[in-house]
Amino acid sequence: MSAHNGGRHALLSEAQIAAALEIARAEPLTLGRIAQRLESALNEPLPCKIETLGEALKRNGFSFKRNRFSLKKSGTKRHSP
């Protein structure tokens, strides 16, 4: 008997998660790039939202930071009164 107590079935198979983990370990990539490489490696579209892939990777110890454009600081310093 499985440990699954009902509810929704997993959208990503263990093989898909393993392939995503392998891609993520190879080099630092954004979640979007990992999804693109996973799709091309499996020759099929991602069967879930990209957030679902992110959650699966987080459960396996990966975390992602959002890419952000840095703002250039002003040349003048502000002094508080």
PDB file of N, CA and C in Angstrom:
ATOM      1  N   MET A   1       0.848  -1.189   0.000  1.00  0.00           N
ATOM      2  CA  MET A   1       0.000   0.000   0.000  1.00  0.00           C
ATOM      3  C   MET A   1       0.884   1.239   0.000  1.00  0.00           C
ATOM      4  N   SER A   2       0.500   2.233  -0.755  1.00  0.00           N
ATOM      5  CA  SER A   2       1.310   3.440  -0.843  1.00  0.00           C
ATOM      6  C   SER A   2       1.022   4.375   0.330  1.00  0.00           C
ATOM      7  N   ALA A   3       1.913   5.328   0.517  1.00  0.00           N
ATOM      8  CA  ALA A   3       1.770   6.285   1.610  1.00  0.00           C
ATOM      9  C   ALA A   3       0.869   7.446   1.220  1.00  0.00           C
ATOM     10  N   HIS A   4       0.421   7.471  -0.012  1.00  0.00           N
ATOM     11  CA  HIS A   4      -0.419   8.563  -0.486  1.00  0.00           C
ATOM     12  C   HIS A   4      -1.810   8.410   0.123  1.00  0.00           C
ATOM     13  N   ASN A   5      -2.280   9.455   0.790  1.00  0.00           N
ATOM     14  CA  ASN A   5      -3.575   9.384   1.469  1.00  0.00           C
ATOM     15  C   ASN A   5      -4.688  10.060   0.684  1.00  0.00           C
ATOM     16  N   GLY A   6      -4.638   9.975  -0.593  1.00  0.00           N
ATOM     17  CA  GLY A   6      -5.672  10.588  -1.405  1.00  0.00           C
ATOM     18  C   GLY A   6      -5.242  11.957  -1.886  1.00  0.00           C
ATOM     19  N   GLY A   7      -6.170  12.644  -2.497  1.00  0.00           N
ATOM     20  CA  GLY A   7      -5.843  13.967  -3.011  1.00  0.00           C
ATOM     21  C   GLY A   7      -5.381  13.895  -4.450  1.00  0.00           C
ATOM     22  N   ARG A   8      -4.830  14.983  -4.880  1.00  0.00           N
ATOM     23  CA  ARG A   8      -4.417  15.112  -6.267  1.00  0.00           C
ATOM     24  C   ARG A   8      -3.132  14.338  -6.553  1.00  0.00           C
ATOM     25  N   HIS A   9      -3.038  13.751  -7.732  1.00  0.00           N
ATOM     26  CA  HIS A   9      -1.835  13.025  -8.136  1.00  0.00           C
ATOM     27  C   HIS A   9      -0.724  14.011  -8.481  1.00  0.00           C
ATOM     28  N   ALA A  10       0.500  13.574  -8.319  1.00  0.00           N
ATOM     29  CA  ALA A  10       1.647  14.415  -8.640  1.00  0.00           C
ATOM     30  C   ALA A  10       1.688  14.677 -10.140  1.00  0.00           C
ATOM     31  N   LEU A  11       1.925  15.928 -10.506  1.00  0.00           N
ATOM     32  CA  LEU A  11       1.990  16.272 -11.922  1.00  0.00           C
ATOM     33  C   LEU A  11       3.339  15.921 -12.530  1.00  0.00           C
ATOM     34  N   LEU A  12       4.384  15.948 -11.719  1.00  0.00           N
ATOM     35  CA  LEU A  12       5.721  15.596 -12.189  1.00  0.00           C
ATOM     36  C   LEU A  12       6.076  14.198 -11.713  1.00  0.00           C
ATOM     37  N   SER A  13       6.577  13.376 -12.615  1.00  0.00           N
ATOM     38  CA  SER A  13       6.991  12.030 -12.229  1.00  0.00           C
ATOM     39  C   SER A  13       8.351  12.103 -11.531  1.00  0.00           C
ATOM     40  N   GLU A  14       8.714  11.036 -10.876  1.00  0.00           N
ATOM     41  CA  GLU A  14      10.021  10.981 -10.206  1.00  0.00           C
ATOM     42  C   GLU A  14      11.153  11.136 -11.223  1.00  0.00           C
ATOM     43  N   ALA A  15      10.968  10.579 -12.430  1.00  0.00           N
ATOM     44  CA  ALA A  15      11.994  10.693 -13.476  1.00  0.00           C
ATOM     45  C   ALA A  15      12.149  12.144 -13.926  1.00  0.00           C
ATOM     46  N   GLN A  16      11.035  12.868 -14.035  1.00  0.00           N
ATOM     47  CA  GLN A  16      11.097  14.276 -14.433  1.00  0.00           C
ATOM     48  C   GLN A  16      11.782  15.115 -13.356  1.00  0.00           C
ATOM     49  N   ILE A  17      11.461  14.842 -12.093  1.00  0.00           N
ATOM     50  CA  ILE A  17      12.095  15.571 -10.992  1.00  0.00           C
ATOM     51  C   ILE A  17      13.586  15.265 -10.945  1.00  0.00           C
ATOM     52  N   ALA A  18      13.947  14.005 -11.157  1.00  0.00           N
ATOM     53  CA  ALA A  18      15.365  13.613 -11.147  1.00  0.00           C
ATOM     54  C   ALA A  18      16.121  14.322 -12.275  1.00  0.00           C
ATOM     55  N   ALA A  19      15.499  14.412 -13.449  1.00  0.00           N
ATOM     56  CA  ALA A  19      16.137  15.099 -14.576  1.00  0.00           C
ATOM     57  C   ALA A  19      16.286  16.590 -14.277  1.00  0.00           C
ATOM     58  N   ALA A  20      15.274  17.199 -13.660  1.00  0.00           N
ATOM     59  CA  ALA A  20      15.344  18.622 -13.303  1.00  0.00           C
ATOM     60  C   ALA A  20      16.432  18.863 -12.266  1.00  0.00           C
ATOM     61  N   LEU A  21      16.578  17.955 -11.314  1.00  0.00           N
ATOM     62  CA  LEU A  21      17.632  18.080 -10.297  1.00  0.00           C
ATOM     63  C   LEU A  21      19.013  17.986 -10.929  1.00  0.00           C
ATOM     64  N   GLU A  22      19.152  17.095 -11.885  1.00  0.00           N
ATOM     65  CA  GLU A  22      20.431  16.944 -12.587  1.00  0.00           C
ATOM     66  C   GLU A  22      20.780  18.227 -13.345  1.00  0.00           C
ATOM     67  N   ILE A  23      19.799  18.816 -14.005  1.00  0.00           N
ATOM     68  CA  ILE A  23      20.012  20.068 -14.736  1.00  0.00           C
ATOM     69  C   ILE A  23      20.376  21.190 -13.763  1.00  0.00           C
ATOM     70  N   ALA A  24      19.662  21.256 -12.645  1.00  0.00           N
ATOM     71  CA  ALA A  24      19.897  22.319 -11.666  1.00  0.00           C
ATOM     72  C   ALA A  24      21.275  22.199 -11.017  1.00  0.00           C
ATOM     73  N   ARG A  25      21.747  20.983 -10.839  1.00  0.00           N
ATOM     74  CA  ARG A  25      23.066  20.777 -10.222  1.00  0.00           C
ATOM     75  C   ARG A  25      24.207  21.102 -11.181  1.00  0.00           C
ATOM     76  N   ALA A  26      23.962  21.019 -12.473  1.00  0.00           N
ATOM     77  CA  ALA A  26      25.013  21.195 -13.471  1.00  0.00           C
ATOM     78  C   ALA A  26      25.575  22.609 -13.471  1.00  0.00           C
ATOM     79  N   GLU A  27      24.709  23.610 -13.394  1.00  0.00           N
ATOM     80  CA  GLU A  27      25.161  24.996 -13.397  1.00  0.00           C
ATOM     81  C   GLU A  27      24.071  25.874 -12.808  1.00  0.00           C
ATOM     82  N   PRO A  28      24.428  27.049 -12.312  1.00  0.00           N
ATOM     83  CA  PRO A  28      23.405  27.926 -11.741  1.00  0.00           C
ATOM     84  C   PRO A  28      22.520  28.516 -12.837  1.00  0.00           C
ATOM     85  N   LEU A  29      21.250  28.185 -12.794  1.00  0.00           N
ATOM     86  CA  LEU A  29      20.283  28.649 -13.788  1.00  0.00           C
ATOM     87  C   LEU A  29      19.047  29.188 -13.091  1.00  0.00           C
ATOM     88  N   THR A  30      18.315  30.012 -13.803  1.00  0.00           N
ATOM     89  CA  THR A  30      17.027  30.440 -13.274  1.00  0.00           C
ATOM     90  C   THR A  30      16.039  29.291 -13.431  1.00  0.00           C
ATOM     91  N   LEU A  31      14.941  29.401 -12.721  1.00  0.00           N
ATOM     92  CA  LEU A  31      13.919  28.361 -12.794  1.00  0.00           C
ATOM     93  C   LEU A  31      13.365  28.237 -14.214  1.00  0.00           C
ATOM     94  N   GLY A  32      13.214  29.367 -14.886  1.00  0.00           N
ATOM     95  CA  GLY A  32      12.730  29.345 -16.270  1.00  0.00           C
ATOM     96  C   GLY A  32      13.662  28.598 -17.198  1.00  0.00           C
ATOM     97  N   ARG A  33      14.966  28.806 -17.036  1.00  0.00           N
ATOM     98  CA  ARG A  33      15.954  28.111 -17.876  1.00  0.00           C
ATOM     99  C   ARG A  33      15.977  26.612 -17.557  1.00  0.00           C
ATOM    100  N   ILE A  34      15.811  26.262 -16.292  1.00  0.00           N
ATOM    101  CA  ILE A  34      15.758  24.836 -15.924  1.00  0.00           C
ATOM    102  C   ILE A  34      14.545  24.199 -16.596  1.00  0.00           C
ATOM    103  N   ALA A  35      13.411  24.884 -16.588  1.00  0.00           N
ATOM    104  CA  ALA A  35      12.197  24.360 -17.229  1.00  0.00           C
ATOM    105  C   ALA A  35      12.407  24.188 -18.727  1.00  0.00           C
ATOM    106  N   GLN A  36      13.057  25.169 -19.369  1.00  0.00           N
ATOM    107  CA  GLN A  36      13.321  25.067 -20.812  1.00  0.00           C
ATOM    108  C   GLN A  36      14.213  23.878 -21.118  1.00  0.00           C
ATOM    109  N   ARG A  37      15.262  23.707 -20.338  1.00  0.00           N
ATOM    110  CA  ARG A  37      16.176  22.582 -20.585  1.00  0.00           C
ATOM    111  C   ARG A  37      15.509  21.246 -20.301  1.00  0.00           C
ATOM    112  N   LEU A  38      14.643  21.209 -19.296  1.00  0.00           N
ATOM    113  CA  LEU A  38      13.918  19.977 -18.989  1.00  0.00           C
ATOM    114  C   LEU A  38      12.990  19.607 -20.139  1.00  0.00           C
ATOM    115  N   GLU A  39      12.287  20.601 -20.677  1.00  0.00           N
ATOM    116  CA  GLU A  39      11.407  20.342 -21.815  1.00  0.00           C
ATOM    117  C   GLU A  39      12.179  19.819 -23.018  1.00  0.00           C
ATOM    118  N   SER A  40      13.341  20.408 -23.291  1.00  0.00           N
ATOM    119  CA  SER A  40      14.113  19.941 -24.447  1.00  0.00           C
ATOM    120  C   SER A  40      14.743  18.580 -24.178  1.00  0.00           C
ATOM    121  N   ALA A  41      15.111  18.295 -22.947  1.00  0.00           N
ATOM    122  CA  ALA A  41      15.693  16.993 -22.623  1.00  0.00           C
ATOM    123  C   ALA A  41      14.660  15.874 -22.718  1.00  0.00           C
ATOM    124  N   LEU A  42      13.432  16.173 -22.322  1.00  0.00           N
ATOM    125  CA  LEU A  42      12.377  15.155 -22.338  1.00  0.00           C
ATOM    126  C   LEU A  42      11.578  15.150 -23.638  1.00  0.00           C
ATOM    127  N   ASN A  43      11.822  16.134 -24.501  1.00  0.00           N
ATOM    128  CA  ASN A  43      11.096  16.274 -25.769  1.00  0.00           C
ATOM    129  C   ASN A  43       9.589  16.322 -25.579  1.00  0.00           C
ATOM    130  N   GLU A  44       9.162  16.998 -24.519  1.00  0.00           N
ATOM    131  CA  GLU A  44       7.734  17.179 -24.261  1.00  0.00           C
ATOM    132  C   GLU A  44       7.553  18.439 -23.423  1.00  0.00           C
ATOM    133  N   PRO A  45       6.385  19.063 -23.505  1.00  0.00           N
ATOM    134  CA  PRO A  45       6.162  20.268 -22.698  1.00  0.00           C
ATOM    135  C   PRO A  45       6.057  19.928 -21.210  1.00  0.00           C
ATOM    136  N   LEU A  46       6.344  20.898 -20.400  1.00  0.00           N
ATOM    137  CA  LEU A  46       6.246  20.729 -18.952  1.00  0.00           C
ATOM    138  C   LEU A  46       4.793  20.437 -18.585  1.00  0.00           C
ATOM    139  N   PRO A  47       4.514  19.367 -17.837  1.00  0.00           N
ATOM    140  CA  PRO A  47       3.127  18.988 -17.557  1.00  0.00           C
ATOM    141  C   PRO A  47       2.479  19.792 -16.431  1.00  0.00           C
ATOM    142  N   CYS A  48       3.136  20.859 -16.001  1.00  0.00           N
ATOM    143  CA  CYS A  48       2.624  21.635 -14.881  1.00  0.00           C
ATOM    144  C   CYS A  48       3.095  23.080 -15.005  1.00  0.00           C
ATOM    145  N   LYS A  49       2.681  23.894 -14.056  1.00  0.00           N
ATOM    146  CA  LYS A  49       3.152  25.268 -14.014  1.00  0.00           C
ATOM    147  C   LYS A  49       4.609  25.282 -13.579  1.00  0.00           C
ATOM    148  N   ILE A  50       5.298  26.342 -13.931  1.00  0.00           N
ATOM    149  CA  ILE A  50       6.711  26.464 -13.563  1.00  0.00           C
ATOM    150  C   ILE A  50       6.855  26.534 -12.035  1.00  0.00           C
ATOM    151  N   GLU A  51       5.853  27.081 -11.353  1.00  0.00           N
ATOM    152  CA  GLU A  51       5.890  27.161  -9.886  1.00  0.00           C
ATOM    153  C   GLU A  51       5.880  25.770  -9.253  1.00  0.00           C
ATOM    154  N   THR A  52       5.176  24.840  -9.899  1.00  0.00           N
ATOM    155  CA  THR A  52       5.136  23.464  -9.398  1.00  0.00           C
ATOM    156  C   THR A  52       6.517  22.826  -9.494  1.00  0.00           C
ATOM    157  N   LEU A  53       7.207  23.094 -10.580  1.00  0.00           N
ATOM    158  CA  LEU A  53       8.582  22.606 -10.736  1.00  0.00           C
ATOM    159  C   LEU A  53       9.464  23.218  -9.652  1.00  0.00           C
ATOM    160  N   GLY A  54       9.290  24.501  -9.405  1.00  0.00           N
ATOM    161  CA  GLY A  54      10.059  25.176  -8.361  1.00  0.00           C
ATOM    162  C   GLY A  54       9.826  24.570  -6.991  1.00  0.00           C
ATOM    163  N   GLU A  55       8.578  24.246  -6.680  1.00  0.00           N
ATOM    164  CA  GLU A  55       8.263  23.619  -5.391  1.00  0.00           C
ATOM    165  C   GLU A  55       8.917  22.242  -5.271  1.00  0.00           C
ATOM    166  N   ALA A  56       8.911  21.484  -6.359  1.00  0.00           N
ATOM    167  CA  ALA A  56       9.545  20.158  -6.342  1.00  0.00           C
ATOM    168  C   ALA A  56      11.044  20.277  -6.108  1.00  0.00           C
ATOM    169  N   LEU A  57      11.668  21.267  -6.732  1.00  0.00           N
ATOM    170  CA  LEU A  57      13.101  21.466  -6.536  1.00  0.00           C
ATOM    171  C   LEU A  57      13.390  21.964  -5.123  1.00  0.00           C
ATOM    172  N   LYS A  58      12.533  22.815  -4.581  1.00  0.00           N
ATOM    173  CA  LYS A  58      12.718  23.300  -3.207  1.00  0.00           C
ATOM    174  C   LYS A  58      12.640  22.156  -2.208  1.00  0.00           C
ATOM    175  N   ARG A  59      11.724  21.217  -2.450  1.00  0.00           N
ATOM    176  CA  ARG A  59      11.606  20.054  -1.559  1.00  0.00           C
ATOM    177  C   ARG A  59      12.877  19.215  -1.564  1.00  0.00           C
ATOM    178  N   ASN A  60      13.661  19.347  -2.639  1.00  0.00           N
ATOM    179  CA  ASN A  60      14.910  18.595  -2.744  1.00  0.00           C
ATOM    180  C   ASN A  60      16.134  19.454  -2.437  1.00  0.00           C
ATOM    181  N   GLY A  61      15.926  20.584  -1.791  1.00  0.00           N
ATOM    182  CA  GLY A  61      17.042  21.382  -1.301  1.00  0.00           C
ATOM    183  C   GLY A  61      17.519  22.528  -2.167  1.00  0.00           C
ATOM    184  N   PHE A  62      16.837  22.823  -3.264  1.00  0.00           N
ATOM    185  CA  PHE A  62      17.240  23.941  -4.118  1.00  0.00           C
ATOM    186  C   PHE A  62      16.399  25.162  -3.793  1.00  0.00           C
ATOM    187  N   SER A  63      17.022  26.332  -3.893  1.00  0.00           N
ATOM    188  CA  SER A  63      16.276  27.574  -3.729  1.00  0.00           C
ATOM    189  C   SER A  63      16.668  28.506  -4.854  1.00  0.00           C
ATOM    190  N   PHE A  64      15.780  29.422  -5.162  1.00  0.00           N
ATOM    191  CA  PHE A  64      15.991  30.317  -6.289  1.00  0.00           C
ATOM    192  C   PHE A  64      15.800  31.741  -5.837  1.00  0.00           C
ATOM    193  N   LYS A  65      16.613  32.614  -6.393  1.00  0.00           N
ATOM    194  CA  LYS A  65      16.451  34.032  -6.136  1.00  0.00           C
ATOM    195  C   LYS A  65      15.936  34.670  -7.406  1.00  0.00           C
ATOM    196  N   ARG A  66      15.116  35.661  -7.220  1.00  0.00           N
ATOM    197  CA  ARG A  66      14.573  36.382  -8.350  1.00  0.00           C
ATOM    198  C   ARG A  66      15.664  37.258  -8.949  1.00  0.00           C
ATOM    199  N   ASN A  67      15.773  37.280 -10.255  1.00  0.00           N
ATOM    200  CA  ASN A  67      16.704  38.194 -10.904  1.00  0.00           C
ATOM    201  C   ASN A  67      16.110  39.585 -10.873  1.00  0.00           C
ATOM    202  N   ARG A  68      16.926  40.552 -10.541  1.00  0.00           N
ATOM    203  CA  ARG A  68      16.462  41.910 -10.415  1.00  0.00           C
ATOM    204  C   ARG A  68      17.472  42.856 -11.026  1.00  0.00           C
ATOM    205  N   PHE A  69      17.008  43.869 -11.702  1.00  0.00           N
ATOM    206  CA  PHE A  69      17.936  44.864 -12.210  1.00  0.00           C
ATOM    207  C   PHE A  69      18.356  45.738 -11.034  1.00  0.00           C
ATOM    208  N   SER A  70      19.641  45.986 -10.920  1.00  0.00           N
ATOM    209  CA  SER A  70      20.095  46.818  -9.813  1.00  0.00           C
ATOM    210  C   SER A  70      19.920  48.283 -10.188  1.00  0.00           C
ATOM    211  N   LEU A  71      19.572  49.057  -9.219  1.00  0.00           N
ATOM    212  CA  LEU A  71      19.407  50.483  -9.439  1.00  0.00           C
ATOM    213  C   LEU A  71      20.733  51.165  -9.149  1.00  0.00           C
ATOM    214  N   LYS A  72      21.119  52.068 -10.014  1.00  0.00           N
ATOM    215  CA  LYS A  72      22.354  52.794  -9.784  1.00  0.00           C
ATOM    216  C   LYS A  72      22.120  53.823  -8.698  1.00  0.00           C
ATOM    217  N   LYS A  73      23.064  53.898  -7.787  1.00  0.00           N
ATOM    218  CA  LYS A  73      22.924  54.862  -6.699  1.00  0.00           C
ATOM    219  C   LYS A  73      23.245  56.248  -7.208  1.00  0.00           C
ATOM    220  N   SER A  74      22.612  57.187  -6.619  1.00  0.00           N
ATOM    221  CA  SER A  74      22.817  58.580  -6.995  1.00  0.00           C
ATOM    222  C   SER A  74      24.236  59.011  -6.607  1.00  0.00           C
ATOM    223  N   GLY A  75      24.796  59.907  -7.372  1.00  0.00           N
ATOM    224  CA  GLY A  75      26.151  60.386  -7.097  1.00  0.00           C
ATOM    225  C   GLY A  75      26.232  61.251  -5.853  1.00  0.00           C
ATOM    226  N   THR A  76      25.088  61.803  -5.445  1.00  0.00           N
ATOM    227  CA  THR A  76      25.092  62.618  -4.233  1.00  0.00           C
ATOM    228  C   THR A  76      24.575  61.824  -3.073  1.00  0.00           C
ATOM    229  N   LYS A  77      25.144  62.071  -1.920  1.00  0.00           N
ATOM    230  CA  LYS A  77      24.705  61.362  -0.716  1.00  0.00           C
ATOM    231  C   LYS A  77      23.589  62.146  -0.061  1.00  0.00           C
ATOM    232  N   ARG A  78      22.659  61.440   0.483  1.00  0.00           N
ATOM    233  CA  ARG A  78      21.570  62.080   1.206  1.00  0.00           C
ATOM    234  C   ARG A  78      21.937  62.140   2.681  1.00  0.00           C
ATOM    235  N   HIS A  79      21.639  63.259   3.254  1.00  0.00           N
ATOM    236  CA  HIS A  79      21.876  63.410   4.703  1.00  0.00           C
ATOM    237  C   HIS A  79      20.537  63.582   5.372  1.00  0.00           C
ATOM    238  N   SER A  80      20.299  62.795   6.369  1.00  0.00           N
ATOM    239  CA  SER A  80      19.028  62.930   7.092  1.00  0.00           C
ATOM    240  C   SER A  80      19.128  64.100   8.068  1.00  0.00           C
ATOM    241  N   PRO A  81      18.038  64.864   8.240  1.00  0.00           N
ATOM    242  CA  PRO A  81      18.095  66.038   9.130  1.00  0.00           C
ATOM    243  C   PRO A  81      18.198  65.677  10.580  1.00  0.00           C
TER     244      PRO A  81
END
